[in-house]
Amino acid sequence: MLAVQPPSTSDGLLNSDQRRLLDAFASQAAIALERAELSEEARRGQIARETERLQTALLNSISHDLRTPLASITGALSTLVDGTGAMDESTRRELLENAKEEADRLNRLLGNLLDMNRLESGALTLRIEPGDVEDLVGTALTQLGDAAQRRDIRVSVPPTLPPVPVDFALVTQALVNILDNALKYSPPDAPVDVRAQTAGGELELRIEDRGAGIPPEDLKRVFDKFYRIQRRDATRGVGLGLAISKGIIEAHGGRIWAENRPEGGTTVVFTLPLTSSDGLRPGNGSGTWVTTDRAS
């Protein structure tokens, strides 16, 4: 609808020149609006196509990562069932261990998908209690199972580090994801360091590996959902672990980032406030490092 208010000096009617000018103006305005609408429709269509393409790619990736451990588990169990009589004990145990490892990997993948859904839907509820940092690290290593037991993981925690107000299960999961990433991208014989300290009213936890490092342009993007560094030695996964860790840490009021080690490898650092949201501080502590080496 186009409305025109004539000058107060006129009799309220437009002369022929004014009417032609108004018609031309209205026509040009209609064309401009139509073009804008068509452009917006094209943009929405492009977004819809890109969204569909991304969803298809993600579904294919997730489907592949679900099928791979299932195929390994099915293959191992089928071999055990079909060759029970002619199989020696060492082969049987190797097949069972392989099936267990793949089942654990599948469980972590499904857990990550469920955790991401909780984070995005706003259904994540924190149950904050004082947590011991050494217990957090120990529980994370236990959950990693054989993947951690076979590696040299060096844990350094001050003996008098104060308890930290956290949701123990969620922060443990964040640490599991970070450690799992460090182990996957490090040489099998290289150590991984876990160092804890207090800094500026926060707990700071550093996980250092000796892998190939992260390209500078990817240092921030590695925490994006479904993002994976494109390189030949890329390992399996859908790129959810670090994104979930980021969501959990930020839900606690903390920060997380990645940086490259000058000597080679990557350090993932996250902080957690030592004071809970209700203002209570669980304690103070400082001291020298106590190092526990966990080697295979």
C-alpha atoms as a PDB file:
ATOM      1  CA  MET A   1       0.000   0.000   0.000  1.00  0.00           C
ATOM      2  CA  LEU A   2       1.327   3.420  -0.988  1.00  0.00           C
ATOM      3  CA  ALA A   3      -0.121   6.564   0.605  1.00  0.00           C
ATOM      4  CA  VAL A   4       0.575  10.147  -0.473  1.00  0.00           C
ATOM      5  CA  GLN A   5      -0.143  13.288   1.467  1.00  0.00           C
ATOM      6  CA  PRO A   6      -0.555  16.252  -0.925  1.00  0.00           C
ATOM      7  CA  PRO A   7       0.895  19.654  -0.056  1.00  0.00           C
ATOM      8  CA  SER A   8      -1.285  21.744   2.265  1.00  0.00           C
ATOM      9  CA  THR A   9      -1.428  24.458  -0.377  1.00  0.00           C
ATOM     10  CA  SER A  10      -3.076  22.201  -2.953  1.00  0.00           C
ATOM     11  CA  ASP A  11      -6.749  21.267  -3.255  1.00  0.00           C
ATOM     12  CA  GLY A  12      -5.937  17.616  -2.429  1.00  0.00           C
ATOM     13  CA  LEU A  13      -5.766  16.499  -6.044  1.00  0.00           C
ATOM     14  CA  LEU A  14      -2.665  15.585  -8.081  1.00  0.00           C
ATOM     15  CA  ASN A  15      -2.156  17.028 -11.513  1.00  0.00           C
ATOM     16  CA  SER A  16      -1.208  14.791 -14.443  1.00  0.00           C
ATOM     17  CA  ASP A  17       2.557  15.338 -14.057  1.00  0.00           C
ATOM     18  CA  GLN A  18       2.453  14.584 -10.362  1.00  0.00           C
ATOM     19  CA  ARG A  19       0.373  11.442 -10.998  1.00  0.00           C
ATOM     20  CA  ARG A  20       2.823  10.175 -13.633  1.00  0.00           C
ATOM     21  CA  LEU A  21       5.722  10.827 -11.257  1.00  0.00           C
ATOM     22  CA  LEU A  22       3.913   9.002  -8.465  1.00  0.00           C
ATOM     23  CA  ASP A  23       3.135   6.042 -10.740  1.00  0.00           C
ATOM     24  CA  ALA A  24       6.789   5.828 -11.779  1.00  0.00           C
ATOM     25  CA  PHE A  25       7.921   6.019  -8.170  1.00  0.00           C
ATOM     26  CA  ALA A  26       5.441   3.343  -7.097  1.00  0.00           C
ATOM     27  CA  SER A  27       6.508   1.090  -9.961  1.00  0.00           C
ATOM     28  CA  GLN A  28      10.192   1.408  -9.060  1.00  0.00           C
ATOM     29  CA  ALA A  29       9.452   0.800  -5.375  1.00  0.00           C
ATOM     30  CA  ALA A  30       7.450  -2.326  -6.242  1.00  0.00           C
ATOM     31  CA  ILE A  31      10.289  -3.649  -8.415  1.00  0.00           C
ATOM     32  CA  ALA A  32      12.823  -2.983  -5.641  1.00  0.00           C
ATOM     33  CA  LEU A  33      10.629  -4.745  -3.062  1.00  0.00           C
ATOM     34  CA  GLU A  34      10.073  -7.700  -5.388  1.00  0.00           C
ATOM     35  CA  ARG A  35      13.801  -8.002  -6.020  1.00  0.00           C
ATOM     36  CA  ALA A  36      14.500  -7.869  -2.275  1.00  0.00           C
ATOM     37  CA  GLU A  37      11.916 -10.567  -1.635  1.00  0.00           C
ATOM     38  CA  LEU A  38      13.321 -12.774  -4.413  1.00  0.00           C
ATOM     39  CA  SER A  39      16.825 -12.245  -3.046  1.00  0.00           C
ATOM     40  CA  GLU A  40      15.682 -13.228   0.459  1.00  0.00           C
ATOM     41  CA  GLU A  41      13.953 -16.329  -0.907  1.00  0.00           C
ATOM     42  CA  ALA A  42      17.126 -17.274  -2.783  1.00  0.00           C
ATOM     43  CA  ARG A  43      19.175 -16.762   0.389  1.00  0.00           C
ATOM     44  CA  ARG A  44      16.787 -18.929   2.423  1.00  0.00           C
ATOM     45  CA  GLY A  45      16.935 -21.579  -0.297  1.00  0.00           C
ATOM     46  CA  GLN A  46      20.724 -21.514  -0.273  1.00  0.00           C
ATOM     47  CA  ILE A  47      20.784 -21.805   3.511  1.00  0.00           C
ATOM     48  CA  ALA A  48      18.323 -24.721   3.361  1.00  0.00           C
ATOM     49  CA  ARG A  49      20.465 -26.494   0.754  1.00  0.00           C
ATOM     50  CA  GLU A  50      23.658 -25.914   2.725  1.00  0.00           C
ATOM     51  CA  THR A  51      21.952 -27.098   5.921  1.00  0.00           C
ATOM     52  CA  GLU A  52      20.717 -30.228   4.180  1.00  0.00           C
ATOM     53  CA  ARG A  53      24.168 -30.853   2.709  1.00  0.00           C
ATOM     54  CA  LEU A  54      25.793 -30.415   6.123  1.00  0.00           C
ATOM     55  CA  GLN A  55      23.236 -32.652   7.817  1.00  0.00           C
ATOM     56  CA  THR A  56      23.801 -35.335   5.178  1.00  0.00           C
ATOM     57  CA  ALA A  57      27.573 -35.108   5.605  1.00  0.00           C
ATOM     58  CA  LEU A  58      27.286 -35.260   9.395  1.00  0.00           C
ATOM     59  CA  LEU A  59      24.856 -38.172   9.243  1.00  0.00           C
ATOM     60  CA  ASN A  60      27.195 -40.043   6.901  1.00  0.00           C
ATOM     61  CA  SER A  61      30.140 -39.341   9.190  1.00  0.00           C
ATOM     62  CA  ILE A  62      28.279 -40.403  12.329  1.00  0.00           C
ATOM     63  CA  SER A  63      26.876 -43.480  10.576  1.00  0.00           C
ATOM     64  CA  HIS A  64      30.399 -44.470   9.509  1.00  0.00           C
ATOM     65  CA  ASP A  65      31.737 -44.005  13.016  1.00  0.00           C
ATOM     66  CA  LEU A  66      28.874 -46.063  14.428  1.00  0.00           C
ATOM     67  CA  ARG A  67      29.225 -48.840  11.877  1.00  0.00           C
ATOM     68  CA  THR A  68      33.008 -49.176  12.251  1.00  0.00           C
ATOM     69  CA  PRO A  69      33.054 -50.335  15.901  1.00  0.00           C
ATOM     70  CA  LEU A  70      29.904 -52.394  15.345  1.00  0.00           C
ATOM     71  CA  ALA A  71      31.566 -54.186  12.434  1.00  0.00           C
ATOM     72  CA  SER A  72      34.666 -54.863  14.544  1.00  0.00           C
ATOM     73  CA  ILE A  73      32.589 -56.170  17.451  1.00  0.00           C
ATOM     74  CA  THR A  74      30.456 -58.342  15.165  1.00  0.00           C
ATOM     75  CA  GLY A  75      33.537 -59.699  13.399  1.00  0.00           C
ATOM     76  CA  ALA A  76      35.327 -60.561  16.637  1.00  0.00           C
ATOM     77  CA  LEU A  77      32.292 -62.253  18.175  1.00  0.00           C
ATOM     78  CA  SER A  78      31.521 -64.163  14.964  1.00  0.00           C
ATOM     79  CA  THR A  79      35.092 -65.465  14.867  1.00  0.00           C
ATOM     80  CA  LEU A  80      34.820 -66.532  18.496  1.00  0.00           C
ATOM     81  CA  VAL A  81      31.526 -68.346  17.894  1.00  0.00           C
ATOM     82  CA  ASP A  82      32.621 -70.075  14.674  1.00  0.00           C
ATOM     83  CA  GLY A  83      36.130 -71.059  15.763  1.00  0.00           C
ATOM     84  CA  THR A  84      35.728 -71.953  19.415  1.00  0.00           C
ATOM     85  CA  GLY A  85      37.231 -75.439  19.093  1.00  0.00           C
ATOM     86  CA  ALA A  86      40.285 -74.563  16.996  1.00  0.00           C
ATOM     87  CA  MET A  87      41.278 -71.288  18.675  1.00  0.00           C
ATOM     88  CA  ASP A  88      44.116 -70.902  21.146  1.00  0.00           C
ATOM     89  CA  GLU A  89      43.686 -68.885  24.305  1.00  0.00           C
ATOM     90  CA  SER A  90      45.860 -65.921  23.216  1.00  0.00           C
ATOM     91  CA  THR A  91      43.861 -65.439  19.979  1.00  0.00           C
ATOM     92  CA  ARG A  92      40.605 -65.713  21.870  1.00  0.00           C
ATOM     93  CA  ARG A  93      41.722 -63.113  24.400  1.00  0.00           C
ATOM     94  CA  GLU A  94      42.918 -60.752  21.670  1.00  0.00           C
ATOM     95  CA  LEU A  95      39.524 -60.928  19.944  1.00  0.00           C
ATOM     96  CA  LEU A  96      37.706 -60.282  23.215  1.00  0.00           C
ATOM     97  CA  GLU A  97      39.925 -57.309  24.038  1.00  0.00           C
ATOM     98  CA  ASN A  98      39.365 -55.856  20.565  1.00  0.00           C
ATOM     99  CA  ALA A  99      35.600 -56.244  20.935  1.00  0.00           C
ATOM    100  CA  LYS A 100      35.717 -54.558  24.344  1.00  0.00           C
ATOM    101  CA  GLU A 101      37.792 -51.632  23.052  1.00  0.00           C
ATOM    102  CA  GLU A 102      35.405 -51.074  20.158  1.00  0.00           C
ATOM    103  CA  ALA A 103      32.396 -51.330  22.481  1.00  0.00           C
ATOM    104  CA  ASP A 104      33.957 -48.707  24.771  1.00  0.00           C
ATOM    105  CA  ARG A 105      34.594 -46.448  21.770  1.00  0.00           C
ATOM    106  CA  LEU A 106      31.014 -46.875  20.608  1.00  0.00           C
ATOM    107  CA  ASN A 107      29.764 -46.083  24.102  1.00  0.00           C
ATOM    108  CA  ARG A 108      31.848 -42.887  24.220  1.00  0.00           C
ATOM    109  CA  LEU A 109      30.581 -41.812  20.810  1.00  0.00           C
ATOM    110  CA  LEU A 110      26.938 -42.304  21.768  1.00  0.00           C
ATOM    111  CA  GLY A 111      27.584 -40.575  25.085  1.00  0.00           C
ATOM    112  CA  ASN A 112      29.083 -37.589  23.274  1.00  0.00           C
ATOM    113  CA  LEU A 113      26.070 -37.352  20.967  1.00  0.00           C
ATOM    114  CA  LEU A 114      23.710 -37.402  23.963  1.00  0.00           C
ATOM    115  CA  ASP A 115      25.836 -34.858  25.852  1.00  0.00           C
ATOM    116  CA  MET A 116      25.845 -32.492  22.857  1.00  0.00           C
ATOM    117  CA  ASN A 117      22.071 -32.797  22.610  1.00  0.00           C
ATOM    118  CA  ARG A 118      21.750 -31.899  26.302  1.00  0.00           C
ATOM    119  CA  LEU A 119      24.053 -28.902  25.888  1.00  0.00           C
ATOM    120  CA  GLU A 120      22.211 -27.548  22.847  1.00  0.00           C
ATOM    121  CA  SER A 121      18.729 -28.116  24.299  1.00  0.00           C
ATOM    122  CA  GLY A 122      19.581 -26.341  27.557  1.00  0.00           C
ATOM    123  CA  ALA A 123      18.823 -29.512  29.531  1.00  0.00           C
ATOM    124  CA  LEU A 124      22.226 -29.570  31.215  1.00  0.00           C
ATOM    125  CA  THR A 125      21.816 -29.242  34.994  1.00  0.00           C
ATOM    126  CA  LEU A 126      24.899 -28.848  37.170  1.00  0.00           C
ATOM    127  CA  ARG A 127      25.133 -30.573  40.544  1.00  0.00           C
ATOM    128  CA  ILE A 128      27.905 -28.560  42.162  1.00  0.00           C
ATOM    129  CA  GLU A 129      29.870 -30.120  45.015  1.00  0.00           C
ATOM    130  CA  PRO A 130      33.467 -29.723  46.232  1.00  0.00           C
ATOM    131  CA  GLY A 131      35.646 -32.003  44.113  1.00  0.00           C
ATOM    132  CA  ASP A 132      39.202 -33.195  44.596  1.00  0.00           C
ATOM    133  CA  VAL A 133      41.326 -32.500  41.527  1.00  0.00           C
ATOM    134  CA  GLU A 134      43.430 -35.644  41.883  1.00  0.00           C
ATOM    135  CA  ASP A 135      40.214 -37.691  42.066  1.00  0.00           C
ATOM    136  CA  LEU A 136      38.977 -35.975  38.894  1.00  0.00           C
ATOM    137  CA  VAL A 137      42.132 -36.914  37.005  1.00  0.00           C
ATOM    138  CA  GLY A 138      42.204 -40.439  38.410  1.00  0.00           C
ATOM    139  CA  THR A 139      38.566 -41.078  37.512  1.00  0.00           C
ATOM    140  CA  ALA A 140      39.117 -39.777  33.979  1.00  0.00           C
ATOM    141  CA  LEU A 141      42.100 -42.105  33.510  1.00  0.00           C
ATOM    142  CA  THR A 142      40.075 -45.028  34.838  1.00  0.00           C
ATOM    143  CA  GLN A 143      37.284 -44.310  32.358  1.00  0.00           C
ATOM    144  CA  LEU A 144      39.815 -44.282  29.504  1.00  0.00           C
ATOM    145  CA  GLY A 145      40.751 -47.842  30.477  1.00  0.00           C
ATOM    146  CA  ASP A 146      43.384 -49.627  28.426  1.00  0.00           C
ATOM    147  CA  ALA A 147      43.972 -46.583  26.230  1.00  0.00           C
ATOM    148  CA  ALA A 148      45.438 -44.829  29.282  1.00  0.00           C
ATOM    149  CA  GLN A 149      47.025 -47.854  30.944  1.00  0.00           C
ATOM    150  CA  ARG A 150      49.247 -48.528  27.951  1.00  0.00           C
ATOM    151  CA  ARG A 151      50.561 -44.947  27.849  1.00  0.00           C
ATOM    152  CA  ASP A 152      52.923 -42.822  29.919  1.00  0.00           C
ATOM    153  CA  ILE A 153      50.608 -40.241  31.510  1.00  0.00           C
ATOM    154  CA  ARG A 154      52.394 -38.049  34.034  1.00  0.00           C
ATOM    155  CA  VAL A 155      50.115 -36.378  36.569  1.00  0.00           C
ATOM    156  CA  SER A 156      51.292 -33.407  38.628  1.00  0.00           C
ATOM    157  CA  VAL A 157      48.959 -32.056  41.319  1.00  0.00           C
ATOM    158  CA  PRO A 158      49.932 -29.881  44.316  1.00  0.00           C
ATOM    159  CA  PRO A 159      49.246 -31.869  47.519  1.00  0.00           C
ATOM    160  CA  THR A 160      47.338 -28.988  49.142  1.00  0.00           C
ATOM    161  CA  LEU A 161      45.309 -27.917  46.109  1.00  0.00           C
ATOM    162  CA  PRO A 162      41.870 -26.827  47.386  1.00  0.00           C
ATOM    163  CA  PRO A 163      38.663 -28.658  46.483  1.00  0.00           C
ATOM    164  CA  VAL A 164      36.977 -27.172  43.426  1.00  0.00           C
ATOM    165  CA  PRO A 165      33.183 -26.620  43.178  1.00  0.00           C
ATOM    166  CA  VAL A 166      32.228 -28.777  40.182  1.00  0.00           C
ATOM    167  CA  ASP A 167      29.756 -31.241  38.796  1.00  0.00           C
ATOM    168  CA  PHE A 168      32.166 -34.151  39.234  1.00  0.00           C
ATOM    169  CA  ALA A 169      30.706 -36.402  36.526  1.00  0.00           C
ATOM    170  CA  LEU A 170      30.540 -33.660  33.891  1.00  0.00           C
ATOM    171  CA  VAL A 171      34.033 -32.263  34.473  1.00  0.00           C
ATOM    172  CA  THR A 172      35.376 -35.821  34.464  1.00  0.00           C
ATOM    173  CA  GLN A 173      33.737 -36.293  31.050  1.00  0.00           C
ATOM    174  CA  ALA A 174      35.299 -33.055  29.790  1.00  0.00           C
ATOM    175  CA  LEU A 175      38.711 -34.266  30.961  1.00  0.00           C
ATOM    176  CA  VAL A 176      38.180 -37.710  29.394  1.00  0.00           C
ATOM    177  CA  ASN A 177      37.473 -36.082  26.028  1.00  0.00           C
ATOM    178  CA  ILE A 178      40.584 -33.886  26.228  1.00  0.00           C
ATOM    179  CA  LEU A 179      42.832 -36.757  27.326  1.00  0.00           C
ATOM    180  CA  ASP A 180      41.392 -39.058  24.669  1.00  0.00           C
ATOM    181  CA  ASN A 181      42.202 -36.422  22.057  1.00  0.00           C
ATOM    182  CA  ALA A 182      45.757 -36.006  23.389  1.00  0.00           C
ATOM    183  CA  LEU A 183      46.356 -39.771  23.324  1.00  0.00           C
ATOM    184  CA  LYS A 184      45.001 -40.162  19.794  1.00  0.00           C
ATOM    185  CA  TYR A 185      47.207 -37.405  18.380  1.00  0.00           C
ATOM    186  CA  SER A 186      50.431 -38.350  20.192  1.00  0.00           C
ATOM    187  CA  PRO A 187      53.023 -40.974  19.255  1.00  0.00           C
ATOM    188  CA  PRO A 188      52.432 -44.184  21.255  1.00  0.00           C
ATOM    189  CA  ASP A 189      55.779 -43.862  23.049  1.00  0.00           C
ATOM    190  CA  ALA A 190      55.421 -40.144  23.889  1.00  0.00           C
ATOM    191  CA  PRO A 191      54.302 -39.025  27.354  1.00  0.00           C
ATOM    192  CA  VAL A 192      51.235 -36.915  28.072  1.00  0.00           C
ATOM    193  CA  ASP A 193      51.425 -34.471  30.994  1.00  0.00           C
ATOM    194  CA  VAL A 194      48.509 -33.390  33.185  1.00  0.00           C
ATOM    195  CA  ARG A 195      49.425 -30.421  35.381  1.00  0.00           C
ATOM    196  CA  ALA A 196      47.206 -28.621  37.879  1.00  0.00           C
ATOM    197  CA  GLN A 197      47.786 -25.314  39.656  1.00  0.00           C
ATOM    198  CA  THR A 198      45.895 -22.353  41.053  1.00  0.00           C
ATOM    199  CA  ALA A 199      46.127 -18.975  39.333  1.00  0.00           C
ATOM    200  CA  GLY A 200      44.141 -15.813  40.068  1.00  0.00           C
ATOM    201  CA  GLY A 201      41.337 -17.481  42.013  1.00  0.00           C
ATOM    202  CA  GLU A 202      40.989 -20.284  39.465  1.00  0.00           C
ATOM    203  CA  LEU A 203      42.066 -23.852  39.036  1.00  0.00           C
ATOM    204  CA  GLU A 204      44.145 -24.233  35.885  1.00  0.00           C
ATOM    205  CA  LEU A 205      44.513 -27.689  34.365  1.00  0.00           C
ATOM    206  CA  ARG A 206      46.931 -28.220  31.472  1.00  0.00           C
ATOM    207  CA  ILE A 207      46.997 -31.338  29.279  1.00  0.00           C
ATOM    208  CA  GLU A 208      50.168 -31.433  27.166  1.00  0.00           C
ATOM    209  CA  ASP A 209      50.888 -33.891  24.360  1.00  0.00           C
ATOM    210  CA  ARG A 210      53.828 -34.414  22.012  1.00  0.00           C
ATOM    211  CA  GLY A 211      51.895 -34.755  18.768  1.00  0.00           C
ATOM    212  CA  ALA A 212      52.099 -32.803  15.530  1.00  0.00           C
ATOM    213  CA  GLY A 213      50.453 -29.706  17.014  1.00  0.00           C
ATOM    214  CA  ILE A 214      47.551 -27.719  15.583  1.00  0.00           C
ATOM    215  CA  PRO A 215      47.783 -25.285  12.645  1.00  0.00           C
ATOM    216  CA  PRO A 216      47.467 -21.733  14.050  1.00  0.00           C
ATOM    217  CA  GLU A 217      44.280 -21.066  12.066  1.00  0.00           C
ATOM    218  CA  ASP A 218      42.645 -24.121  13.686  1.00  0.00           C
ATOM    219  CA  LEU A 219      43.488 -23.385  17.336  1.00  0.00           C
ATOM    220  CA  LYS A 220      40.072 -21.836  18.021  1.00  0.00           C
ATOM    221  CA  ARG A 221      38.062 -23.927  15.581  1.00  0.00           C
ATOM    222  CA  VAL A 222      39.000 -27.252  17.199  1.00  0.00           C
ATOM    223  CA  PHE A 223      36.339 -26.508  19.832  1.00  0.00           C
ATOM    224  CA  ASP A 224      33.610 -26.122  17.194  1.00  0.00           C
ATOM    225  CA  LYS A 225      31.032 -28.880  16.884  1.00  0.00           C
ATOM    226  CA  PHE A 226      31.906 -31.528  14.263  1.00  0.00           C
ATOM    227  CA  TYR A 227      35.127 -29.737  13.327  1.00  0.00           C
ATOM    228  CA  ARG A 228      38.156 -31.898  12.589  1.00  0.00           C
ATOM    229  CA  ILE A 229      41.590 -30.884  11.352  1.00  0.00           C
ATOM    230  CA  GLN A 230      42.050 -32.003   7.768  1.00  0.00           C
ATOM    231  CA  ARG A 231      45.292 -33.924   7.504  1.00  0.00           C
ATOM    232  CA  ARG A 232      46.459 -37.329   6.382  1.00  0.00           C
ATOM    233  CA  ASP A 233      47.041 -38.770   9.842  1.00  0.00           C
ATOM    234  CA  ALA A 234      43.606 -37.695  11.120  1.00  0.00           C
ATOM    235  CA  THR A 235      42.170 -40.324  13.442  1.00  0.00           C
ATOM    236  CA  ARG A 236      38.628 -41.585  13.699  1.00  0.00           C
ATOM    237  CA  GLY A 237      35.935 -39.450  15.290  1.00  0.00           C
ATOM    238  CA  VAL A 238      33.197 -36.973  14.497  1.00  0.00           C
ATOM    239  CA  GLY A 239      34.678 -33.918  16.206  1.00  0.00           C
ATOM    240  CA  LEU A 240      32.430 -33.670  19.256  1.00  0.00           C
ATOM    241  CA  GLY A 241      34.778 -34.312  22.175  1.00  0.00           C
ATOM    242  CA  LEU A 242      36.387 -30.885  22.504  1.00  0.00           C
ATOM    243  CA  ALA A 243      33.107 -29.097  21.698  1.00  0.00           C
ATOM    244  CA  ILE A 244      31.425 -30.928  24.587  1.00  0.00           C
ATOM    245  CA  SER A 245      34.351 -30.169  26.899  1.00  0.00           C
ATOM    246  CA  LYS A 246      34.048 -26.492  25.990  1.00  0.00           C
ATOM    247  CA  GLY A 247      30.317 -26.492  26.778  1.00  0.00           C
ATOM    248  CA  ILE A 248      30.851 -28.207  30.143  1.00  0.00           C
ATOM    249  CA  ILE A 249      33.722 -25.953  31.221  1.00  0.00           C
ATOM    250  CA  GLU A 250      31.905 -22.765  30.191  1.00  0.00           C
ATOM    251  CA  ALA A 251      28.763 -23.954  32.006  1.00  0.00           C
ATOM    252  CA  HIS A 252      30.920 -23.934  35.163  1.00  0.00           C
ATOM    253  CA  GLY A 253      32.027 -20.360  34.476  1.00  0.00           C
ATOM    254  CA  GLY A 254      35.446 -21.480  33.264  1.00  0.00           C
ATOM    255  CA  ARG A 255      37.491 -20.994  30.105  1.00  0.00           C
ATOM    256  CA  ILE A 256      39.165 -23.411  27.700  1.00  0.00           C
ATOM    257  CA  TRP A 257      41.672 -22.901  24.907  1.00  0.00           C
ATOM    258  CA  ALA A 258      44.417 -24.681  22.953  1.00  0.00           C
ATOM    259  CA  GLU A 259      47.972 -23.591  22.289  1.00  0.00           C
ATOM    260  CA  ASN A 260      50.979 -25.143  20.596  1.00  0.00           C
ATOM    261  CA  ARG A 261      53.980 -26.186  22.676  1.00  0.00           C
ATOM    262  CA  PRO A 262      57.274 -24.550  21.607  1.00  0.00           C
ATOM    263  CA  GLU A 263      58.898 -27.997  21.815  1.00  0.00           C
ATOM    264  CA  GLY A 264      56.185 -29.570  19.657  1.00  0.00           C
ATOM    265  CA  GLY A 265      52.728 -30.848  20.440  1.00  0.00           C
ATOM    266  CA  THR A 266      49.585 -29.261  21.818  1.00  0.00           C
ATOM    267  CA  THR A 267      48.465 -28.011  25.216  1.00  0.00           C
ATOM    268  CA  VAL A 268      44.774 -27.792  26.039  1.00  0.00           C
ATOM    269  CA  VAL A 269      44.165 -25.563  29.051  1.00  0.00           C
ATOM    270  CA  PHE A 270      40.974 -25.077  31.007  1.00  0.00           C
ATOM    271  CA  THR A 271      40.183 -23.110  34.117  1.00  0.00           C
ATOM    272  CA  LEU A 272      37.493 -23.482  36.766  1.00  0.00           C
ATOM    273  CA  PRO A 273      36.613 -20.881  39.396  1.00  0.00           C
ATOM    274  CA  LEU A 274      37.601 -21.799  42.952  1.00  0.00           C
ATOM    275  CA  THR A 275      34.543 -19.951  44.251  1.00  0.00           C
ATOM    276  CA  SER A 276      31.105 -21.367  43.545  1.00  0.00           C
ATOM    277  CA  SER A 277      28.212 -19.244  42.299  1.00  0.00           C
ATOM    278  CA  ASP A 278      26.932 -18.833  45.864  1.00  0.00           C
ATOM    279  CA  GLY A 279      30.191 -17.133  46.820  1.00  0.00           C
ATOM    280  CA  LEU A 280      31.486 -19.962  49.013  1.00  0.00           C
ATOM    281  CA  ARG A 281      35.161 -20.777  48.715  1.00  0.00           C
ATOM    282  CA  PRO A 282      35.984 -24.388  49.605  1.00  0.00           C
ATOM    283  CA  GLY A 283      39.516 -23.691  50.784  1.00  0.00           C
ATOM    284  CA  ASN A 284      42.970 -22.395  49.985  1.00  0.00           C
ATOM    285  CA  GLY A 285      46.097 -24.311  49.180  1.00  0.00           C
ATOM    286  CA  SER A 286      49.529 -24.135  47.720  1.00  0.00           C
ATOM    287  CA  GLY A 287      52.554 -26.369  47.629  1.00  0.00           C
ATOM    288  CA  THR A 288      55.207 -28.055  45.573  1.00  0.00           C
ATOM    289  CA  TRP A 289      54.449 -30.439  42.745  1.00  0.00           C
ATOM    290  CA  VAL A 290      53.899 -34.091  43.528  1.00  0.00           C
ATOM    291  CA  THR A 291      54.412 -36.186  40.411  1.00  0.00           C
ATOM    292  CA  THR A 292      52.908 -39.597  39.823  1.00  0.00           C
ATOM    293  CA  ASP A 293      53.978 -41.365  36.637  1.00  0.00           C
ATOM    294  CA  ARG A 294      51.539 -43.850  35.138  1.00  0.00           C
ATOM    295  CA  ALA A 295      53.407 -45.882  32.560  1.00  0.00           C
ATOM    296  CA  SER A 296      52.476 -49.119  30.868  1.00  0.00           C
END
